[in-house]
């Protein structure tokens, strides 16, 4: 008898992931969806703003510069993606890049 074991990998989020998600939800003109479980270098969240979708890679601003580097998969994905990708450490980074003033 052959048994198959399915291993579910739990993708960790950056410490500031939830804070950024909650902050985005407080901005009426933004919609936000967490995509951190996709993997393979796909960014952590997707934001909709003025009819355009933005992929956002979240990095923890409290970590050292070397710990905030993009992974090999992230570098590959970012290099091959023909749309908008934002790298953000906090909500202010996102608002600044989208030119939103609160």
PDB file of N, CA and C in Angstrom:
ATOM      1  N   UNK A   1       0.847  -1.165   0.000  1.00  0.00           N
ATOM      2  CA  UNK A   1       0.000   0.000   0.000  1.00  0.00           C
ATOM      3  C   UNK A   1       0.904   1.243   0.000  1.00  0.00           C
ATOM      4  N   UNK A   2       0.577   2.174  -0.879  1.00  0.00           N
ATOM      5  CA  UNK A   2       1.346   3.407  -0.986  1.00  0.00           C
ATOM      6  C   UNK A   2       0.563   4.533  -0.322  1.00  0.00           C
ATOM      7  N   UNK A   3       1.241   5.266   0.523  1.00  0.00           N
ATOM      8  CA  UNK A   3       0.618   6.409   1.185  1.00  0.00           C
ATOM      9  C   UNK A   3       1.273   7.685   0.680  1.00  0.00           C
ATOM     10  N   UNK A   4       0.465   8.635   0.391  1.00  0.00           N
ATOM     11  CA  UNK A   4       0.977   9.932  -0.033  1.00  0.00           C
ATOM     12  C   UNK A   4       0.789  10.920   1.108  1.00  0.00           C
ATOM     13  N   UNK A   5       1.779  11.692   1.309  1.00  0.00           N
ATOM     14  CA  UNK A   5       1.711  12.730   2.328  1.00  0.00           C
ATOM     15  C   UNK A   5       1.763  14.079   1.625  1.00  0.00           C
ATOM     16  N   UNK A   6       0.799  14.878   1.889  1.00  0.00           N
ATOM     17  CA  UNK A   6       0.774  16.219   1.329  1.00  0.00           C
ATOM     18  C   UNK A   6       1.317  17.166   2.393  1.00  0.00           C
ATOM     19  N   UNK A   7       2.387  17.822   2.038  1.00  0.00           N
ATOM     20  CA  UNK A   7       2.997  18.767   2.956  1.00  0.00           C
ATOM     21  C   UNK A   7       2.569  20.165   2.549  1.00  0.00           C
ATOM     22  N   UNK A   8       1.947  20.849   3.460  1.00  0.00           N
ATOM     23  CA  UNK A   8       1.515  22.213   3.195  1.00  0.00           C
ATOM     24  C   UNK A   8       2.565  23.145   3.774  1.00  0.00           C
ATOM     25  N   UNK A   9       3.183  23.902   2.871  1.00  0.00           N
ATOM     26  CA  UNK A   9       4.176  24.861   3.326  1.00  0.00           C
ATOM     27  C   UNK A   9       3.457  26.130   3.759  1.00  0.00           C
ATOM     28  N   UNK A  10       3.754  26.556   4.942  1.00  0.00           N
ATOM     29  CA  UNK A  10       3.164  27.791   5.442  1.00  0.00           C
ATOM     30  C   UNK A  10       4.121  28.922   5.113  1.00  0.00           C
ATOM     31  N   UNK A  11       3.648  29.853   4.333  1.00  0.00           N
ATOM     32  CA  UNK A  11       4.460  30.997   3.938  1.00  0.00           C
ATOM     33  C   UNK A  11       4.394  32.042   5.043  1.00  0.00           C
ATOM     34  N   UNK A  12       5.547  32.441   5.508  1.00  0.00           N
ATOM     35  CA  UNK A  12       5.597  33.463   6.541  1.00  0.00           C
ATOM     36  C   UNK A  12       5.402  34.835   5.917  1.00  0.00           C
ATOM     37  N   UNK A  13       4.830  35.726   6.691  1.00  0.00           N
ATOM     38  CA  UNK A  13       4.697  37.100   6.236  1.00  0.00           C
ATOM     39  C   UNK A  13       5.692  37.951   7.007  1.00  0.00           C
ATOM     40  N   UNK A  14       6.029  39.090   6.427  1.00  0.00           N
ATOM     41  CA  UNK A  14       6.880  40.028   7.140  1.00  0.00           C
ATOM     42  C   UNK A  14       6.112  40.542   8.353  1.00  0.00           C
ATOM     43  N   UNK A  15       6.844  40.977   9.369  1.00  0.00           N
ATOM     44  CA  UNK A  15       6.222  41.427  10.616  1.00  0.00           C
ATOM     45  C   UNK A  15       5.249  42.584  10.397  1.00  0.00           C
ATOM     46  N   UNK A  16       5.474  43.379   9.371  1.00  0.00           N
ATOM     47  CA  UNK A  16       4.635  44.548   9.110  1.00  0.00           C
ATOM     48  C   UNK A  16       3.522  44.291   8.089  1.00  0.00           C
ATOM     49  N   UNK A  17       3.383  43.057   7.632  1.00  0.00           N
ATOM     50  CA  UNK A  17       2.386  42.700   6.610  1.00  0.00           C
ATOM     51  C   UNK A  17       0.966  43.090   7.048  1.00  0.00           C
ATOM     52  N   UNK A  18       0.594  42.655   8.225  1.00  0.00           N
ATOM     53  CA  UNK A  18      -0.765  42.908   8.715  1.00  0.00           C
ATOM     54  C   UNK A  18      -1.005  44.411   8.906  1.00  0.00           C
ATOM     55  N   UNK A  19      -0.007  45.107   9.423  1.00  0.00           N
ATOM     56  CA  UNK A  19      -0.128  46.555   9.635  1.00  0.00           C
ATOM     57  C   UNK A  19      -0.344  47.285   8.305  1.00  0.00           C
ATOM     58  N   UNK A  20       0.400  46.892   7.278  1.00  0.00           N
ATOM     59  CA  UNK A  20       0.248  47.518   5.963  1.00  0.00           C
ATOM     60  C   UNK A  20      -1.117  47.176   5.363  1.00  0.00           C
ATOM     61  N   UNK A  21      -1.531  45.924   5.480  1.00  0.00           N
ATOM     62  CA  UNK A  21      -2.857  45.525   4.973  1.00  0.00           C
ATOM     63  C   UNK A  21      -3.952  46.347   5.649  1.00  0.00           C
ATOM     64  N   UNK A  22      -3.900  46.438   6.964  1.00  0.00           N
ATOM     65  CA  UNK A  22      -4.922  47.189   7.701  1.00  0.00           C
ATOM     66  C   UNK A  22      -4.897  48.668   7.328  1.00  0.00           C
ATOM     67  N   UNK A  23      -3.698  49.226   7.171  1.00  0.00           N
ATOM     68  CA  UNK A  23      -3.581  50.622   6.774  1.00  0.00           C
ATOM     69  C   UNK A  23      -4.189  50.868   5.398  1.00  0.00           C
ATOM     70  N   UNK A  24      -3.934  49.964   4.470  1.00  0.00           N
ATOM     71  CA  UNK A  24      -4.508  50.099   3.119  1.00  0.00           C
ATOM     72  C   UNK A  24      -6.024  50.043   3.165  1.00  0.00           C
ATOM     73  N   UNK A  25      -6.549  49.201   4.022  1.00  0.00           N
ATOM     74  CA  UNK A  25      -8.016  49.070   4.129  1.00  0.00           C
ATOM     75  C   UNK A  25      -8.655  50.346   4.680  1.00  0.00           C
ATOM     76  N   UNK A  26      -7.878  51.174   5.370  1.00  0.00           N
ATOM     77  CA  UNK A  26      -8.402  52.422   5.933  1.00  0.00           C
ATOM     78  C   UNK A  26      -8.436  53.549   4.892  1.00  0.00           C
ATOM     79  N   UNK A  27      -7.803  53.337   3.746  1.00  0.00           N
ATOM     80  CA  UNK A  27      -7.792  54.354   2.686  1.00  0.00           C
ATOM     81  C   UNK A  27      -8.945  54.026   1.742  1.00  0.00           C
ATOM     82  N   UNK A  28      -9.988  54.870   1.716  1.00  0.00           N
ATOM     83  CA  UNK A  28     -11.203  54.553   0.948  1.00  0.00           C
ATOM     84  C   UNK A  28     -10.976  54.270  -0.538  1.00  0.00           C
ATOM     85  N   UNK A  29      -9.974  54.864  -1.138  1.00  0.00           N
ATOM     86  CA  UNK A  29      -9.778  54.703  -2.582  1.00  0.00           C
ATOM     87  C   UNK A  29      -8.969  53.459  -2.952  1.00  0.00           C
ATOM     88  N   UNK A  30      -8.518  52.692  -1.950  1.00  0.00           N
ATOM     89  CA  UNK A  30      -7.720  51.491  -2.218  1.00  0.00           C
ATOM     90  C   UNK A  30      -8.507  50.229  -1.942  1.00  0.00           C
ATOM     91  N   UNK A  31      -8.245  49.201  -2.740  1.00  0.00           N
ATOM     92  CA  UNK A  31      -8.669  47.851  -2.380  1.00  0.00           C
ATOM     93  C   UNK A  31      -7.386  47.037  -2.256  1.00  0.00           C
ATOM     94  N   UNK A  32      -7.387  46.048  -1.385  1.00  0.00           N
ATOM     95  CA  UNK A  32      -6.158  45.297  -1.120  1.00  0.00           C
ATOM     96  C   UNK A  32      -6.480  43.828  -0.893  1.00  0.00           C
ATOM     97  N   UNK A  33      -5.583  42.968  -1.377  1.00  0.00           N
ATOM     98  CA  UNK A  33      -5.755  41.518  -1.224  1.00  0.00           C
ATOM     99  C   UNK A  33      -4.383  40.906  -0.950  1.00  0.00           C
ATOM    100  N   UNK A  34      -4.310  40.048   0.041  1.00  0.00           N
ATOM    101  CA  UNK A  34      -3.049  39.399   0.393  1.00  0.00           C
ATOM    102  C   UNK A  34      -2.779  38.221  -0.549  1.00  0.00           C
ATOM    103  N   UNK A  35      -1.584  38.203  -1.123  1.00  0.00           N
ATOM    104  CA  UNK A  35      -1.200  37.148  -2.063  1.00  0.00           C
ATOM    105  C   UNK A  35       0.094  36.459  -1.629  1.00  0.00           C
ATOM    106  N   UNK A  36       0.464  36.613  -0.364  1.00  0.00           N
ATOM    107  CA  UNK A  36       1.738  36.059   0.101  1.00  0.00           C
ATOM    108  C   UNK A  36       1.821  34.540  -0.037  1.00  0.00           C
ATOM    109  N   UNK A  37       0.691  33.880  -0.111  1.00  0.00           N
ATOM    110  CA  UNK A  37       0.679  32.418  -0.207  1.00  0.00           C
ATOM    111  C   UNK A  37       0.981  31.901  -1.623  1.00  0.00           C
ATOM    112  N   UNK A  38       0.987  32.776  -2.614  1.00  0.00           N
ATOM    113  CA  UNK A  38       1.222  32.353  -3.994  1.00  0.00           C
ATOM    114  C   UNK A  38       2.626  31.777  -4.152  1.00  0.00           C
ATOM    115  N   UNK A  39       3.615  32.439  -3.598  1.00  0.00           N
ATOM    116  CA  UNK A  39       4.992  31.954  -3.676  1.00  0.00           C
ATOM    117  C   UNK A  39       5.637  32.205  -5.025  1.00  0.00           C
ATOM    118  N   UNK A  40       6.779  31.567  -5.271  1.00  0.00           N
ATOM    119  CA  UNK A  40       7.537  31.682  -6.529  1.00  0.00           C
ATOM    120  C   UNK A  40       7.891  33.122  -6.878  1.00  0.00           C
ATOM    121  N   UNK A  41       8.100  33.962  -5.846  1.00  0.00           N
ATOM    122  CA  UNK A  41       8.505  35.338  -6.070  1.00  0.00           C
ATOM    123  C   UNK A  41       7.370  36.308  -6.286  1.00  0.00           C
ATOM    124  N   UNK A  42       6.111  35.792  -6.303  1.00  0.00           N
ATOM    125  CA  UNK A  42       4.969  36.695  -6.501  1.00  0.00           C
ATOM    126  C   UNK A  42       4.875  37.625  -5.297  1.00  0.00           C
ATOM    127  N   UNK A  43       4.639  38.929  -5.515  1.00  0.00           N
ATOM    128  CA  UNK A  43       4.578  39.887  -4.411  1.00  0.00           C
ATOM    129  C   UNK A  43       3.514  39.551  -3.363  1.00  0.00           C
ATOM    130  N   UNK A  44       3.667  40.181  -2.205  1.00  0.00           N
ATOM    131  CA  UNK A  44       2.881  39.850  -1.018  1.00  0.00           C
ATOM    132  C   UNK A  44       1.430  40.311  -1.045  1.00  0.00           C
ATOM    133  N   UNK A  45       1.170  41.463  -1.660  1.00  0.00           N
ATOM    134  CA  UNK A  45      -0.200  41.962  -1.732  1.00  0.00           C
ATOM    135  C   UNK A  45      -0.456  42.574  -3.107  1.00  0.00           C
ATOM    136  N   UNK A  46      -1.744  42.676  -3.453  1.00  0.00           N
ATOM    137  CA  UNK A  46      -2.161  43.370  -4.663  1.00  0.00           C
ATOM    138  C   UNK A  46      -3.076  44.505  -4.221  1.00  0.00           C
ATOM    139  N   UNK A  47      -2.786  45.693  -4.746  1.00  0.00           N
ATOM    140  CA  UNK A  47      -3.593  46.871  -4.428  1.00  0.00           C
ATOM    141  C   UNK A  47      -4.261  47.351  -5.706  1.00  0.00           C
ATOM    142  N   UNK A  48      -5.544  47.662  -5.613  1.00  0.00           N
ATOM    143  CA  UNK A  48      -6.267  48.276  -6.715  1.00  0.00           C
ATOM    144  C   UNK A  48      -6.451  49.749  -6.418  1.00  0.00           C
ATOM    145  N   UNK A  49      -6.112  50.597  -7.401  1.00  0.00           N
ATOM    146  CA  UNK A  49      -6.239  52.043  -7.219  1.00  0.00           C
ATOM    147  C   UNK A  49      -6.488  52.703  -8.569  1.00  0.00           C
ATOM    148  N   UNK A  50      -7.593  53.407  -8.681  1.00  0.00           N
ATOM    149  CA  UNK A  50      -7.977  54.110  -9.904  1.00  0.00           C
ATOM    150  C   UNK A  50      -7.947  53.197 -11.129  1.00  0.00           C
ATOM    151  N   UNK A  51      -8.468  51.991 -10.969  1.00  0.00           N
ATOM    152  CA  UNK A  51      -8.577  51.059 -12.085  1.00  0.00           C
ATOM    153  C   UNK A  51      -7.293  50.333 -12.455  1.00  0.00           C
ATOM    154  N   UNK A  52      -6.250  50.521 -11.667  1.00  0.00           N
ATOM    155  CA  UNK A  52      -4.965  49.869 -11.947  1.00  0.00           C
ATOM    156  C   UNK A  52      -4.598  48.989 -10.757  1.00  0.00           C
ATOM    157  N   UNK A  53      -4.065  47.811 -11.061  1.00  0.00           N
ATOM    158  CA  UNK A  53      -3.601  46.895 -10.020  1.00  0.00           C
ATOM    159  C   UNK A  53      -2.100  47.049  -9.834  1.00  0.00           C
ATOM    160  N   UNK A  54      -1.682  47.133  -8.587  1.00  0.00           N
ATOM    161  CA  UNK A  54      -0.276  47.259  -8.246  1.00  0.00           C
ATOM    162  C   UNK A  54       0.128  46.059  -7.392  1.00  0.00           C
ATOM    163  N   UNK A  55       1.198  45.413  -7.784  1.00  0.00           N
ATOM    164  CA  UNK A  55       1.742  44.320  -6.983  1.00  0.00           C
ATOM    165  C   UNK A  55       2.708  44.940  -5.987  1.00  0.00           C
ATOM    166  N   UNK A  56       2.615  44.537  -4.734  1.00  0.00           N
ATOM    167  CA  UNK A  56       3.445  45.143  -3.697  1.00  0.00           C
ATOM    168  C   UNK A  56       4.235  44.067  -2.958  1.00  0.00           C
ATOM    169  N   UNK A  57       5.527  44.198  -2.997  1.00  0.00           N
ATOM    170  CA  UNK A  57       6.431  43.338  -2.227  1.00  0.00           C
ATOM    171  C   UNK A  57       6.713  44.050  -0.911  1.00  0.00           C
ATOM    172  N   UNK A  58       6.360  43.415   0.180  1.00  0.00           N
ATOM    173  CA  UNK A  58       6.555  44.008   1.497  1.00  0.00           C
ATOM    174  C   UNK A  58       7.889  43.546   2.067  1.00  0.00           C
ATOM    175  N   UNK A  59       8.642  44.507   2.551  1.00  0.00           N
ATOM    176  CA  UNK A  59       9.889  44.223   3.258  1.00  0.00           C
ATOM    177  C   UNK A  59       9.800  44.879   4.623  1.00  0.00           C
ATOM    178  N   UNK A  60      10.344  44.214   5.618  1.00  0.00           N
ATOM    179  CA  UNK A  60      10.305  44.701   6.998  1.00  0.00           C
ATOM    180  C   UNK A  60      11.386  45.755   7.200  1.00  0.00           C
ATOM    181  N   UNK A  61      10.971  46.999   7.389  1.00  0.00           N
ATOM    182  CA  UNK A  61      11.901  48.104   7.555  1.00  0.00           C
ATOM    183  C   UNK A  61      12.772  48.017   8.792  1.00  0.00           C
ATOM    184  N   UNK A  62      12.399  47.167   9.735  1.00  0.00           N
ATOM    185  CA  UNK A  62      13.184  47.028  10.968  1.00  0.00           C
ATOM    186  C   UNK A  62      14.366  46.072  10.806  1.00  0.00           C
ATOM    187  N   UNK A  63      14.386  45.337   9.696  1.00  0.00           N
ATOM    188  CA  UNK A  63      15.473  44.384   9.461  1.00  0.00           C
ATOM    189  C   UNK A  63      16.659  45.083   8.812  1.00  0.00           C
ATOM    190  N   UNK A  64      17.808  44.433   8.893  1.00  0.00           N
ATOM    191  CA  UNK A  64      19.004  44.994   8.266  1.00  0.00           C
ATOM    192  C   UNK A  64      18.842  44.988   6.744  1.00  0.00           C
ATOM    193  N   UNK A  65      19.657  45.787   6.092  1.00  0.00           N
ATOM    194  CA  UNK A  65      19.578  45.894   4.632  1.00  0.00           C
ATOM    195  C   UNK A  65      19.740  44.524   3.965  1.00  0.00           C
ATOM    196  N   UNK A  66      20.648  43.720   4.469  1.00  0.00           N
ATOM    197  CA  UNK A  66      20.876  42.404   3.861  1.00  0.00           C
ATOM    198  C   UNK A  66      19.682  41.474   4.060  1.00  0.00           C
ATOM    199  N   UNK A  67      18.940  41.646   5.149  1.00  0.00           N
ATOM    200  CA  UNK A  67      17.760  40.819   5.405  1.00  0.00           C
ATOM    201  C   UNK A  67      16.551  41.265   4.586  1.00  0.00           C
ATOM    202  N   UNK A  68      16.620  42.478   4.023  1.00  0.00           N
ATOM    203  CA  UNK A  68      15.516  43.002   3.215  1.00  0.00           C
ATOM    204  C   UNK A  68      15.721  42.770   1.727  1.00  0.00           C
ATOM    205  N   UNK A  69      16.803  42.115   1.364  1.00  0.00           N
ATOM    206  CA  UNK A  69      17.078  41.871  -0.053  1.00  0.00           C
ATOM    207  C   UNK A  69      15.992  40.991  -0.666  1.00  0.00           C
ATOM    208  N   UNK A  70      15.749  41.198  -1.950  1.00  0.00           N
ATOM    209  CA  UNK A  70      14.820  40.326  -2.654  1.00  0.00           C
ATOM    210  C   UNK A  70      15.411  38.927  -2.745  1.00  0.00           C
ATOM    211  N   UNK A  71      14.551  37.920  -2.653  1.00  0.00           N
ATOM    212  CA  UNK A  71      15.005  36.540  -2.825  1.00  0.00           C
ATOM    213  C   UNK A  71      15.281  36.299  -4.306  1.00  0.00           C
ATOM    214  N   UNK A  72      15.925  35.197  -4.625  1.00  0.00           N
ATOM    215  CA  UNK A  72      16.179  34.858  -6.030  1.00  0.00           C
ATOM    216  C   UNK A  72      14.875  34.761  -6.817  1.00  0.00           C
ATOM    217  N   UNK A  73      13.847  34.136  -6.219  1.00  0.00           N
ATOM    218  CA  UNK A  73      12.551  34.034  -6.897  1.00  0.00           C
ATOM    219  C   UNK A  73      11.928  35.411  -7.112  1.00  0.00           C
ATOM    220  N   UNK A  74      12.058  36.301  -6.125  1.00  0.00           N
ATOM    221  CA  UNK A  74      11.500  37.652  -6.269  1.00  0.00           C
ATOM    222  C   UNK A  74      12.223  38.423  -7.374  1.00  0.00           C
ATOM    223  N   UNK A  75      13.529  38.302  -7.429  1.00  0.00           N
ATOM    224  CA  UNK A  75      14.312  38.970  -8.471  1.00  0.00           C
ATOM    225  C   UNK A  75      13.874  38.479  -9.845  1.00  0.00           C
ATOM    226  N   UNK A  76      13.706  37.175  -9.971  1.00  0.00           N
ATOM    227  CA  UNK A  76      13.291  36.600 -11.251  1.00  0.00           C
ATOM    228  C   UNK A  76      11.895  37.093 -11.641  1.00  0.00           C
ATOM    229  N   UNK A  77      10.967  37.064 -10.687  1.00  0.00           N
ATOM    230  CA  UNK A  77       9.600  37.499 -10.977  1.00  0.00           C
ATOM    231  C   UNK A  77       9.577  38.976 -11.352  1.00  0.00           C
ATOM    232  N   UNK A  78      10.220  39.808 -10.549  1.00  0.00           N
ATOM    233  CA  UNK A  78      10.224  41.256 -10.803  1.00  0.00           C
ATOM    234  C   UNK A  78      10.828  41.562 -12.171  1.00  0.00           C
ATOM    235  N   UNK A  79      11.861  40.823 -12.541  1.00  0.00           N
ATOM    236  CA  UNK A  79      12.512  41.040 -13.820  1.00  0.00           C
ATOM    237  C   UNK A  79      11.671  40.642 -15.016  1.00  0.00           C
ATOM    238  N   UNK A  80      10.761  39.713 -14.805  1.00  0.00           N
ATOM    239  CA  UNK A  80       9.959  39.221 -15.931  1.00  0.00           C
ATOM    240  C   UNK A  80       8.561  39.851 -16.001  1.00  0.00           C
ATOM    241  N   UNK A  81       8.169  40.598 -14.955  1.00  0.00           N
ATOM    242  CA  UNK A  81       6.824  41.152 -14.887  1.00  0.00           C
ATOM    243  C   UNK A  81       6.762  42.470 -15.643  1.00  0.00           C
ATOM    244  N   UNK A  82       5.760  42.630 -16.507  1.00  0.00           N
ATOM    245  CA  UNK A  82       5.619  43.839 -17.313  1.00  0.00           C
ATOM    246  C   UNK A  82       4.599  44.824 -16.745  1.00  0.00           C
ATOM    247  N   UNK A  83       4.281  44.680 -15.495  1.00  0.00           N
ATOM    248  CA  UNK A  83       3.333  45.593 -14.849  1.00  0.00           C
ATOM    249  C   UNK A  83       4.000  46.340 -13.707  1.00  0.00           C
ATOM    250  N   UNK A  84       3.163  46.936 -12.860  1.00  0.00           N
ATOM    251  CA  UNK A  84       3.652  47.734 -11.741  1.00  0.00           C
ATOM    252  C   UNK A  84       3.976  46.855 -10.539  1.00  0.00           C
ATOM    253  N   UNK A  85       5.178  47.034 -10.004  1.00  0.00           N
ATOM    254  CA  UNK A  85       5.558  46.377  -8.749  1.00  0.00           C
ATOM    255  C   UNK A  85       6.151  47.446  -7.843  1.00  0.00           C
ATOM    256  N   UNK A  86       5.664  47.485  -6.630  1.00  0.00           N
ATOM    257  CA  UNK A  86       6.150  48.423  -5.623  1.00  0.00           C
ATOM    258  C   UNK A  86       6.816  47.614  -4.523  1.00  0.00           C
ATOM    259  N   UNK A  87       7.955  48.079  -4.050  1.00  0.00           N
ATOM    260  CA  UNK A  87       8.580  47.491  -2.873  1.00  0.00           C
ATOM    261  C   UNK A  87       8.358  48.488  -1.742  1.00  0.00           C
ATOM    262  N   UNK A  88       7.707  48.027  -0.681  1.00  0.00           N
ATOM    263  CA  UNK A  88       7.324  48.934   0.400  1.00  0.00           C
ATOM    264  C   UNK A  88       7.683  48.364   1.762  1.00  0.00           C
ATOM    265  N   UNK A  89       8.073  49.264   2.653  1.00  0.00           N
ATOM    266  CA  UNK A  89       8.348  48.890   4.039  1.00  0.00           C
ATOM    267  C   UNK A  89       7.229  49.337   4.965  1.00  0.00           C
ATOM    268  N   UNK A  90       6.360  50.237   4.474  1.00  0.00           N
ATOM    269  CA  UNK A  90       5.269  50.741   5.305  1.00  0.00           C
ATOM    270  C   UNK A  90       4.188  51.350   4.410  1.00  0.00           C
ATOM    271  N   UNK A  91       3.094  51.735   5.032  1.00  0.00           N
ATOM    272  CA  UNK A  91       1.974  52.312   4.284  1.00  0.00           C
ATOM    273  C   UNK A  91       2.386  53.608   3.588  1.00  0.00           C
ATOM    274  N   UNK A  92       3.207  54.415   4.250  1.00  0.00           N
ATOM    275  CA  UNK A  92       3.642  55.680   3.647  1.00  0.00           C
ATOM    276  C   UNK A  92       4.362  55.456   2.320  1.00  0.00           C
ATOM    277  N   UNK A  93       5.169  54.393   2.231  1.00  0.00           N
ATOM    278  CA  UNK A  93       5.846  54.069   0.968  1.00  0.00           C
ATOM    279  C   UNK A  93       4.827  53.858  -0.149  1.00  0.00           C
ATOM    280  N   UNK A  94       3.773  53.120   0.161  1.00  0.00           N
ATOM    281  CA  UNK A  94       2.733  52.825  -0.845  1.00  0.00           C
ATOM    282  C   UNK A  94       2.008  54.113  -1.241  1.00  0.00           C
ATOM    283  N   UNK A  95       1.591  54.899  -0.265  1.00  0.00           N
ATOM    284  CA  UNK A  95       0.857  56.132  -0.562  1.00  0.00           C
ATOM    285  C   UNK A  95       1.730  57.091  -1.374  1.00  0.00           C
ATOM    286  N   UNK A  96       3.011  57.180  -1.045  1.00  0.00           N
ATOM    287  CA  UNK A  96       3.930  58.057  -1.767  1.00  0.00           C
ATOM    288  C   UNK A  96       4.070  57.598  -3.230  1.00  0.00           C
ATOM    289  N   UNK A  97       4.220  56.310  -3.440  1.00  0.00           N
ATOM    290  CA  UNK A  97       4.399  55.798  -4.800  1.00  0.00           C
ATOM    291  C   UNK A  97       3.119  55.926  -5.629  1.00  0.00           C
ATOM    292  N   UNK A  98       1.975  55.877  -4.964  1.00  0.00           N
ATOM    293  CA  UNK A  98       0.707  56.044  -5.673  1.00  0.00           C
ATOM    294  C   UNK A  98       0.280  57.515  -5.722  1.00  0.00           C
ATOM    295  N   UNK A  99       1.103  58.367  -5.110  1.00  0.00           N
ATOM    296  CA  UNK A  99       0.833  59.823  -5.050  1.00  0.00           C
ATOM    297  C   UNK A  99      -0.496  60.136  -4.375  1.00  0.00           C
ATOM    298  N   UNK A 100      -0.750  59.446  -3.259  1.00  0.00           N
ATOM    299  CA  UNK A 100      -1.959  59.676  -2.464  1.00  0.00           C
ATOM    300  C   UNK A 100      -1.571  60.507  -1.248  1.00  0.00           C
ATOM    301  N   UNK A 101      -2.282  61.610  -1.059  1.00  0.00           N
ATOM    302  CA  UNK A 101      -2.058  62.465   0.108  1.00  0.00           C
ATOM    303  C   UNK A 101      -3.282  62.347   1.003  1.00  0.00           C
ATOM    304  N   UNK A 102      -3.046  61.971   2.248  1.00  0.00           N
ATOM    305  CA  UNK A 102      -4.168  61.851   3.193  1.00  0.00           C
ATOM    306  C   UNK A 102      -4.275  63.097   4.033  1.00  0.00           C
TER     307      UNK A 102
END
